[in-house]
Protein backbone atom coordinates (compact mmCIF):
# COMPACT_ATOMS: atom_id res chain seq x y z
CA MET A 1 0.00 0.00 0.00
CA ALA A 2 1.36 3.43 -0.94
CA SER A 3 2.12 5.81 1.90
CA THR A 4 -0.61 8.45 1.93
CA GLN A 5 1.53 10.86 3.92
CA LEU A 6 4.34 10.65 1.36
CA LEU A 7 1.92 11.20 -1.51
CA VAL A 8 0.44 14.28 0.21
CA ILE A 9 3.90 15.74 0.95
CA VAL A 10 5.05 15.20 -2.64
CA LEU A 11 1.80 16.67 -3.97
CA ILE A 12 2.25 19.80 -1.83
CA LEU A 13 5.88 20.18 -2.94
CA ASP A 14 4.89 19.82 -6.59
CA LEU A 15 2.07 22.37 -6.21
CA VAL A 16 4.45 24.87 -4.58
CA ALA A 17 7.03 24.35 -7.36
CA PHE A 18 4.28 24.79 -9.97
CA ALA A 19 3.07 28.02 -8.33
CA LEU A 20 6.62 29.39 -8.16
CA ALA A 21 7.22 28.61 -11.84
CA VAL A 22 3.95 30.27 -12.91
CA THR A 23 4.79 33.33 -10.79
CA ALA A 24 8.30 33.44 -12.30
CA GLU A 25 6.74 33.46 -15.77
CA GLN A 26 4.57 36.42 -14.83
CA ARG A 27 7.40 38.34 -13.15
CA ARG A 28 10.24 37.79 -15.64
CA ASN A 29 12.58 40.68 -16.37
CA LYS A 30 11.74 43.41 -18.81
CA GLY A 31 14.30 45.95 -19.98
CA VAL A 32 13.86 49.45 -21.32
CA VAL A 33 16.36 51.81 -22.89
CA ASN A 34 17.18 54.80 -20.70
CA LYS A 35 18.32 57.75 -22.77
CA SER A 36 20.48 60.12 -20.80
CA THR A 37 22.20 63.22 -22.15
CA THR A 38 25.48 61.40 -22.83
CA GLN A 39 24.69 57.68 -23.12
CA ASN A 40 21.96 55.16 -23.83
CA TYR A 41 21.75 52.12 -21.53
CA CYS A 42 19.33 49.41 -20.42
CA VAL A 43 17.40 49.57 -17.18
CA TYR A 44 15.83 46.35 -15.86
CA GLU A 45 12.99 45.74 -13.43
CA SER A 46 13.46 43.64 -10.31
CA ASP A 47 15.13 40.26 -10.64
CA ILE A 48 12.60 38.27 -8.60
CA ALA A 49 11.80 35.78 -11.37
CA THR A 50 15.31 34.33 -11.14
CA GLY A 51 14.85 33.53 -7.45
CA LEU A 52 11.39 32.11 -8.07
CA GLY A 53 12.73 29.88 -10.84
CA VAL A 54 15.57 28.61 -8.67
CA GLY A 55 13.12 28.01 -5.82
CA ALA A 56 10.87 25.95 -8.10
CA LEU A 57 13.91 24.02 -9.31
CA VAL A 58 15.04 23.15 -5.77
CA ILE A 59 11.55 22.21 -4.55
CA LEU A 60 10.96 19.97 -7.57
CA LEU A 61 14.35 18.35 -6.95
CA ALA A 62 13.38 17.70 -3.31
CA SER A 63 10.07 16.18 -4.41
CA GLN A 64 11.75 13.85 -6.91
CA ALA A 65 14.43 12.86 -4.39
CA LEU A 66 11.78 12.04 -1.79
CA ILE A 67 9.92 9.70 -4.15
CA MET A 68 13.14 8.06 -5.34
CA VAL A 69 14.37 7.46 -1.78
CA ALA A 70 11.00 6.02 -0.78
CA SER A 71 10.96 3.68 -3.79
CA ARG A 72 14.69 2.94 -3.57
CA CYS A 73 15.04 4.37 -7.07
CA PHE A 74 13.33 1.29 -8.48
CA CYS A 75 16.56 -0.71 -8.61
CA CYS A 76 17.41 -1.58 -5.00
CA GLY A 77 15.59 -3.91 -2.64
CA LYS A 78 13.57 -7.01 -3.41
CA PRO A 79 12.35 -7.50 -6.98
CA LEU A 80 8.87 -6.43 -7.95
CA THR A 81 6.15 -8.99 -8.52
CA PRO A 82 5.53 -9.58 -12.24
CA GLY A 83 2.28 -8.18 -13.51
CA ARG A 84 0.47 -5.09 -14.67
CA SER A 85 1.63 -2.94 -11.73
CA ARG A 86 5.28 -3.67 -12.45
CA VAL A 87 4.88 -2.80 -16.13
CA TRP A 88 3.19 0.50 -15.25
CA ALA A 89 5.83 1.22 -12.61
CA ILE A 90 8.60 0.80 -15.21
CA ILE A 91 6.83 2.96 -17.80
CA LEU A 92 5.99 5.68 -15.25
CA PHE A 93 9.52 5.58 -13.81
CA ILE A 94 11.02 6.39 -17.22
CA THR A 95 8.34 9.00 -17.93
CA CYS A 96 8.72 10.77 -14.60
CA TRP A 97 12.49 11.03 -15.05
CA PHE A 98 12.07 12.39 -18.58
CA THR A 99 9.56 15.05 -17.52
CA PHE A 100 11.67 15.87 -14.44
CA ILE A 101 14.80 16.48 -16.54
CA VAL A 102 12.90 18.67 -19.02
CA ALA A 103 11.29 20.68 -16.19
CA GLU A 104 14.64 21.20 -14.45
CA ALA A 105 16.27 22.23 -17.75
CA CYS A 106 13.52 24.79 -18.43
CA LEU A 107 13.73 26.23 -14.92
CA LEU A 108 17.53 26.37 -14.96
CA ALA A 109 17.72 27.92 -18.43
CA GLY A 110 14.99 30.42 -17.57
CA SER A 111 16.67 31.43 -14.31
CA VAL A 112 20.09 31.84 -15.92
CA ARG A 113 18.74 33.76 -18.91
CA ASN A 114 16.53 35.95 -16.71
CA ALA A 115 19.53 36.90 -14.56
CA TYR A 116 21.49 38.01 -17.62
CA HIS A 117 21.47 41.78 -18.15
CA THR A 118 23.08 43.53 -21.08
CA LYS A 119 25.66 46.07 -19.99
CA TYR A 120 26.01 47.88 -23.29
CA ARG A 121 26.22 51.63 -23.25
CA THR A 122 26.19 53.52 -26.49
CA ALA A 123 26.74 57.09 -27.42
CA ILE A 124 23.68 59.18 -28.26
CA SER A 125 24.42 59.21 -31.99
CA ASP A 126 24.46 55.39 -32.23
CA ASN A 127 21.44 53.12 -32.30
CA PRO A 128 20.02 52.33 -28.86
CA PRO A 129 21.30 49.10 -27.25
CA SER A 130 19.34 45.88 -27.37
CA CYS A 131 17.83 45.19 -23.95
CA GLU A 132 17.53 41.44 -24.35
CA THR A 133 15.29 39.63 -21.88
CA LEU A 134 13.98 36.13 -21.35
CA ARG A 135 11.58 34.95 -24.03
CA LYS A 136 8.01 34.46 -22.91
CA GLY A 137 7.11 30.88 -22.08
CA ILE A 138 10.32 29.36 -20.68
CA PHE A 139 9.10 29.33 -17.08
CA GLY A 140 5.64 28.41 -18.37
CA ALA A 141 7.07 25.32 -20.08
CA GLY A 142 8.85 24.49 -16.83
CA ALA A 143 5.54 24.82 -14.97
CA ALA A 144 3.81 22.50 -17.44
CA PHE A 145 6.51 19.88 -17.05
CA ILE A 146 6.36 20.26 -13.26
CA PHE A 147 2.67 19.41 -13.54
CA PHE A 148 3.42 16.34 -15.69
CA THR A 149 6.24 15.30 -13.35
CA GLY A 150 3.93 15.55 -10.35
CA ILE A 151 1.28 13.37 -11.96
CA THR A 152 3.73 10.72 -13.19
CA THR A 153 5.67 10.50 -9.92
CA GLU A 154 2.47 10.04 -7.91
CA LEU A 155 1.24 7.34 -10.30
CA TYR A 156 4.70 5.75 -10.37
CA TYR A 157 4.81 5.48 -6.60
CA ILE A 158 1.32 3.97 -6.43
CA SER A 159 2.17 1.40 -9.15
CA TYR A 160 5.51 0.67 -7.50
CA SER A 161 3.82 0.11 -4.12
CA ASN A 162 1.21 -2.17 -5.68
CA ALA A 163 3.91 -4.23 -7.41
CA ARG A 164 6.01 -4.35 -4.25
CA ASN A 165 3.18 -5.46 -1.96
CA SER A 166 1.28 -7.88 -4.21
CA PHE A 167 1.32 -11.58 -3.46
CA PRO A 168 4.42 -13.14 -5.06
CA PRO A 169 3.83 -16.12 -7.33
CA SER A 170 4.97 -19.56 -6.20
CA ARG A 171 8.53 -20.32 -7.29
CA GLU A 172 8.05 -24.08 -6.90
CA THR A 173 8.22 -25.99 -10.17
CA GLY A 174 7.06 -29.39 -8.95
CA VAL A 175 4.10 -30.70 -7.00
CA GLY A 176 4.42 -29.84 -3.33
CA MET A 177 4.30 -33.11 -1.33
CA ASN A 178 5.67 -31.75 1.94
CA THR A 179 2.42 -32.05 3.84
CA TYR A 180 1.96 -35.76 2.97
CA ARG A 181 4.92 -37.27 4.82
């Protein structure tokens, strides 16, 4: 039987990571050109989206680590009982790692790119500098993959627990005559 407390904790962690990623998408940096009398330069808003993205990354990592420790990363401990639950556990294990890696990559790339600020200053006669910022949707993609990761890890743990706790088949190949001595 799957641990209900673990499932609730992981669900809460995934929801917090999702909320942080969505907030980071809404609060990403925007730059504007400031034209002074001698130079043009970029001015950026607050850098809160970088911290929100890193927070979502760390919380999602903690959630994934918690599930993997609880399930012994699928490879340690006694073997799983053959059957439908084991097949689903294997499929969901691979899927949850794939979605986890994509979510972490989106959050990391978004946080790094959001923290980058152009430092170009140009003279008044030149063209204004390019105030490059993070493209819209990077943190949003991370949030979507956090959602998929949360669903697949919960289902993986339930399938894993069902395969771990189901009645193992008899390993005896012959007719058991022990009771007839």
